[in-house]
Protein backbone atom coordinates (compact mmCIF):
# COMPACT_ATOMS: atom_id res chain seq x y z
CA MET A 1 168.98 114.70 153.88
CA SER A 2 172.64 115.02 153.37
CA ASN A 3 174.41 111.72 151.44
CA ASP A 4 177.75 112.00 153.54
CA ARG A 5 179.04 109.99 156.51
CA ALA A 6 179.55 113.03 158.80
CA ASP A 7 176.74 111.87 161.14
CA THR A 8 178.30 108.31 163.02
CA THR A 9 175.03 106.75 161.98
CA PRO A 10 175.64 105.23 158.68
CA LEU A 11 173.16 105.44 156.05
CA PRO A 12 170.96 102.19 155.53
CA LEU A 13 171.13 100.17 152.67
CA LEU A 14 168.00 101.28 150.00
CA PHE A 15 166.54 97.74 148.47
CA CYS A 16 164.58 99.22 146.08
CA LEU A 17 162.11 96.70 144.29
CA CYS A 18 161.10 98.23 141.30
CA ALA A 19 158.06 96.62 139.13
CA PRO A 20 155.21 97.19 136.79
CA ALA A 21 151.58 97.54 138.61
CA GLY A 22 150.42 93.74 138.92
CA SER A 23 153.78 92.30 139.52
CA GLY A 24 153.48 91.01 142.74
CA LYS A 25 156.23 93.64 144.20
CA SER A 26 154.18 94.77 147.26
CA THR A 27 153.63 91.00 148.27
CA VAL A 28 157.42 89.85 147.59
CA CYS A 29 158.28 93.11 149.97
CA ALA A 30 156.09 92.32 152.69
CA GLN A 31 157.18 88.92 152.66
CA VAL A 32 161.40 89.42 152.54
CA VAL A 33 161.03 92.32 155.71
CA ALA A 34 158.87 90.03 157.63
CA ASN A 35 161.35 87.65 157.85
CA ASP A 36 164.59 90.18 158.62
CA PRO A 37 164.71 92.17 161.82
CA GLN A 38 167.36 94.25 160.35
CA LEU A 39 165.29 95.68 157.67
CA ARG A 40 162.19 97.24 157.33
CA ARG A 41 159.81 98.56 154.57
CA SER A 42 159.45 101.96 153.31
CA ILE A 43 155.48 103.16 153.10
CA SER A 44 154.46 105.01 150.18
CA THR A 45 152.01 107.96 150.59
CA THR A 46 149.32 108.42 147.59
CA THR A 47 146.28 110.06 146.78
CA ARG A 48 144.74 107.29 145.41
CA GLN A 49 141.70 105.22 147.14
CA PRO A 50 142.56 102.33 149.38
CA ARG A 51 141.58 99.02 147.66
CA PRO A 52 139.99 96.55 149.72
CA GLY A 53 142.07 94.97 152.32
CA GLU A 54 144.76 98.00 152.44
CA ILE A 55 145.03 99.60 155.77
CA ASP A 56 146.39 103.23 156.21
CA GLY A 57 149.60 103.21 157.86
CA GLN A 58 150.20 99.72 156.90
CA HIS A 59 150.01 99.57 153.19
CA TYR A 60 150.31 103.12 152.55
CA PHE A 61 149.65 106.59 153.67
CA PHE A 62 146.71 107.52 152.01
CA VAL A 63 146.05 111.50 152.05
CA THR A 64 144.35 114.18 149.82
CA LYS A 65 145.53 115.73 147.00
CA ASP A 66 145.82 118.92 148.77
CA GLU A 67 147.80 117.31 151.71
CA PHE A 68 149.98 115.63 148.83
CA GLU A 69 150.59 118.98 147.35
CA GLN A 70 151.44 120.30 150.67
CA ARG A 71 153.53 117.91 151.56
CA ARG A 72 155.74 117.79 148.40
CA ALA A 73 155.77 121.74 148.66
CA ALA A 74 157.82 121.41 152.45
CA GLY A 75 159.87 118.86 150.59
CA ARG A 76 158.92 116.03 152.80
CA PHE A 77 159.68 113.51 149.75
CA VAL A 78 163.03 112.23 148.70
CA GLU A 79 161.49 111.07 145.76
CA HIS A 80 157.16 111.35 144.17
CA ALA A 81 155.43 110.56 141.15
CA GLN A 82 152.52 110.72 139.16
CA PHE A 83 150.24 108.08 137.36
CA GLY A 84 147.35 109.11 135.46
CA GLN A 85 145.45 111.38 138.41
CA GLU A 86 147.21 110.16 141.52
CA SER A 87 150.26 110.97 143.22
CA TYR A 88 152.54 108.30 145.05
CA GLY A 89 155.88 109.33 146.90
CA THR A 90 158.77 108.39 149.67
CA GLU A 91 158.69 110.55 152.42
CA THR A 92 162.24 111.52 153.92
CA LEU A 93 160.86 110.49 157.25
CA ASN A 94 161.30 106.61 155.93
CA VAL A 95 165.16 107.03 155.69
CA GLU A 96 165.41 108.86 158.95
CA CYS A 97 163.82 106.12 160.39
CA ALA A 98 165.80 103.35 159.20
CA ARG A 99 168.91 105.12 159.78
CA GLU A 100 167.91 106.05 163.33
CA SER A 101 166.86 102.31 163.92
CA ARG A 102 170.28 101.33 162.25
CA GLN A 103 167.99 98.94 159.87
CA ASP A 104 168.16 98.70 155.85
CA LEU A 105 165.11 100.05 154.05
CA MET A 106 163.08 98.06 151.44
CA LEU A 107 161.00 100.23 149.28
CA ALA A 108 158.51 99.34 146.09
CA ILE A 109 159.00 102.21 143.62
CA ASP A 110 158.62 103.10 140.50
CA VAL A 111 161.60 104.01 137.79
CA GLN A 112 161.32 107.83 138.33
CA GLY A 113 161.59 106.92 142.07
CA VAL A 114 164.67 104.75 141.68
CA LYS A 115 166.42 107.08 139.27
CA ARG A 116 166.19 109.46 142.05
CA LEU A 117 167.25 107.32 144.86
CA LYS A 118 170.31 106.47 142.91
CA GLU A 119 171.03 110.58 142.08
CA LEU A 120 171.03 111.02 145.91
CA PHE A 121 172.57 107.85 147.46
CA PRO A 122 174.33 106.45 144.62
CA ARG A 123 176.28 104.19 146.90
CA GLN A 124 173.43 102.82 149.15
CA THR A 125 170.79 101.99 146.32
CA VAL A 126 170.57 98.62 144.99
CA THR A 127 167.96 98.13 142.58
CA VAL A 128 166.06 94.91 141.65
CA PHE A 129 164.01 94.95 138.91
CA LEU A 130 161.13 92.26 139.35
CA PHE A 131 158.76 90.94 136.56
CA PRO A 132 156.09 88.32 136.11
CA PRO A 133 157.35 85.55 133.35
CA SER A 134 155.81 87.31 129.93
CA PHE A 135 153.78 89.91 129.41
CA ALA A 136 150.48 87.61 128.94
CA ILE A 137 150.83 86.78 132.60
CA LEU A 138 151.52 90.40 133.57
CA GLU A 139 148.09 90.69 132.24
CA GLN A 140 146.68 88.43 133.26
CA ARG A 141 147.16 89.33 136.78
CA LEU A 142 146.21 92.90 136.11
CA ARG A 143 142.68 91.79 134.86
CA SER A 144 142.37 89.33 137.96
CA ARG A 145 143.05 92.24 140.54
CA ALA A 146 139.85 93.90 138.87
CA THR A 147 141.18 97.28 140.02
CA GLU A 148 141.31 99.13 136.90
CA ASN A 149 138.44 99.89 133.33
CA GLU A 150 139.84 98.71 130.33
CA GLN A 151 141.60 102.12 129.88
CA ALA A 152 143.54 102.17 132.80
CA LEU A 153 144.47 98.49 132.29
CA VAL A 154 145.94 99.27 128.57
CA GLU A 155 147.96 102.23 130.01
CA ARG A 156 149.44 100.10 132.90
CA LEU A 157 150.77 97.51 130.18
CA GLU A 158 152.09 100.14 127.66
CA ILE A 159 153.76 101.33 130.89
CA ALA A 160 155.34 98.08 131.63
CA ARG A 161 156.55 97.87 127.77
CA ARG A 162 158.28 100.96 128.46
CA GLU A 163 159.74 100.32 131.73
CA ILE A 164 161.00 96.86 130.22
CA GLU A 165 163.08 98.49 127.51
CA ILE A 166 164.67 100.52 130.04
CA LEU A 167 166.50 97.37 131.30
CA ARG A 168 168.60 97.59 128.11
CA ASP A 169 170.39 100.59 130.25
CA ARG A 170 172.48 97.81 132.18
CA THR A 171 173.53 100.98 134.87
CA PHE A 172 169.64 101.20 135.66
CA SER A 173 169.07 97.75 137.82
CA ASP A 174 171.54 95.56 139.62
CA TYR A 175 169.43 92.46 139.88
CA LEU A 176 166.67 91.15 137.76
CA VAL A 177 164.00 88.68 139.22
CA ILE A 178 161.29 86.82 137.57
CA ASN A 179 158.36 86.31 139.62
CA ASP A 180 157.41 82.62 138.63
CA THR A 181 156.44 82.17 141.80
CA ILE A 182 156.23 84.17 144.89
CA PRO A 183 158.31 81.75 147.66
CA PHE A 184 160.63 81.57 144.34
CA ALA A 185 161.00 85.72 143.62
CA VAL A 186 161.00 85.84 147.66
CA ASP A 187 164.10 83.65 148.10
CA SER A 188 165.64 85.39 145.15
CA VAL A 189 165.45 89.28 146.78
CA ARG A 190 166.48 87.52 150.08
CA SER A 191 169.75 86.43 148.57
CA ILE A 192 170.64 89.49 147.28
CA VAL A 193 169.97 91.07 150.67
CA VAL A 194 172.55 89.01 152.09
CA ALA A 195 175.21 89.40 149.52
CA GLU A 196 175.23 93.18 149.51
CA ARG A 197 175.63 93.44 153.06
CA LEU A 198 178.40 90.91 152.91
CA ARG A 199 180.21 93.59 150.07
CA LEU A 200 183.12 94.40 151.25
CA ASP A 201 183.52 98.01 149.39
CA ARG A 202 180.40 98.95 151.37
CA LEU A 203 183.23 98.65 154.78
CA SER A 204 185.10 101.76 155.79
CA ASP A 205 188.66 101.42 157.51
CA THR A 206 186.93 101.68 160.72
CA ASP A 207 184.77 99.10 160.04
CA LEU A 208 187.37 96.63 159.44
CA ASP A 209 189.01 97.38 162.62
CA GLU A 210 186.10 96.92 164.75
CA ARG A 211 185.58 93.84 163.15
CA PHE A 212 188.78 91.95 163.43
CA ARG A 213 190.01 93.78 166.71
CA SER A 214 192.10 91.16 168.38
């Protein structure tokens, strides 16, 4: 997918919600999208098994490892990453559908995915890093999910510590939202979406002419 504007249909804004596992990014993402008709949610593809209550095509696209590898080899992913034995990826179709429907896109992705999107779409990518009030609360939330064994939980926490260090590079994320409560986090992300859409540097001269035509 080309990152130029030769196509008259503009590229969508890509709101990347990046957070360690257990930070509530899926919940926040879903609630922000549910109340914004100009925003659609990117549905990731994964090889992991569905958790209780998860629906294929709604929460994730669940595929086998062979299917994932075939899609990767065919160049269908705009970004992909591996955690332990499982793979996750964002198919280019997510971005294309948002472009065709003239909606912006909300993605719940990891650090690697954010870096890749910033390389491909530097002007359109907006990164929001979501984190609980403390590591202790993050650990508590992970344990309450009861979806990982002790070794996997320790690995998740170690990944979280590395991810928070990335914030020292001020160019990685545009915003930091502390998810003390879901309503606060949702309102914060909504405010970011509104503010980014109003930035003057996102409007071309043609956009300005159309908006202020007498």
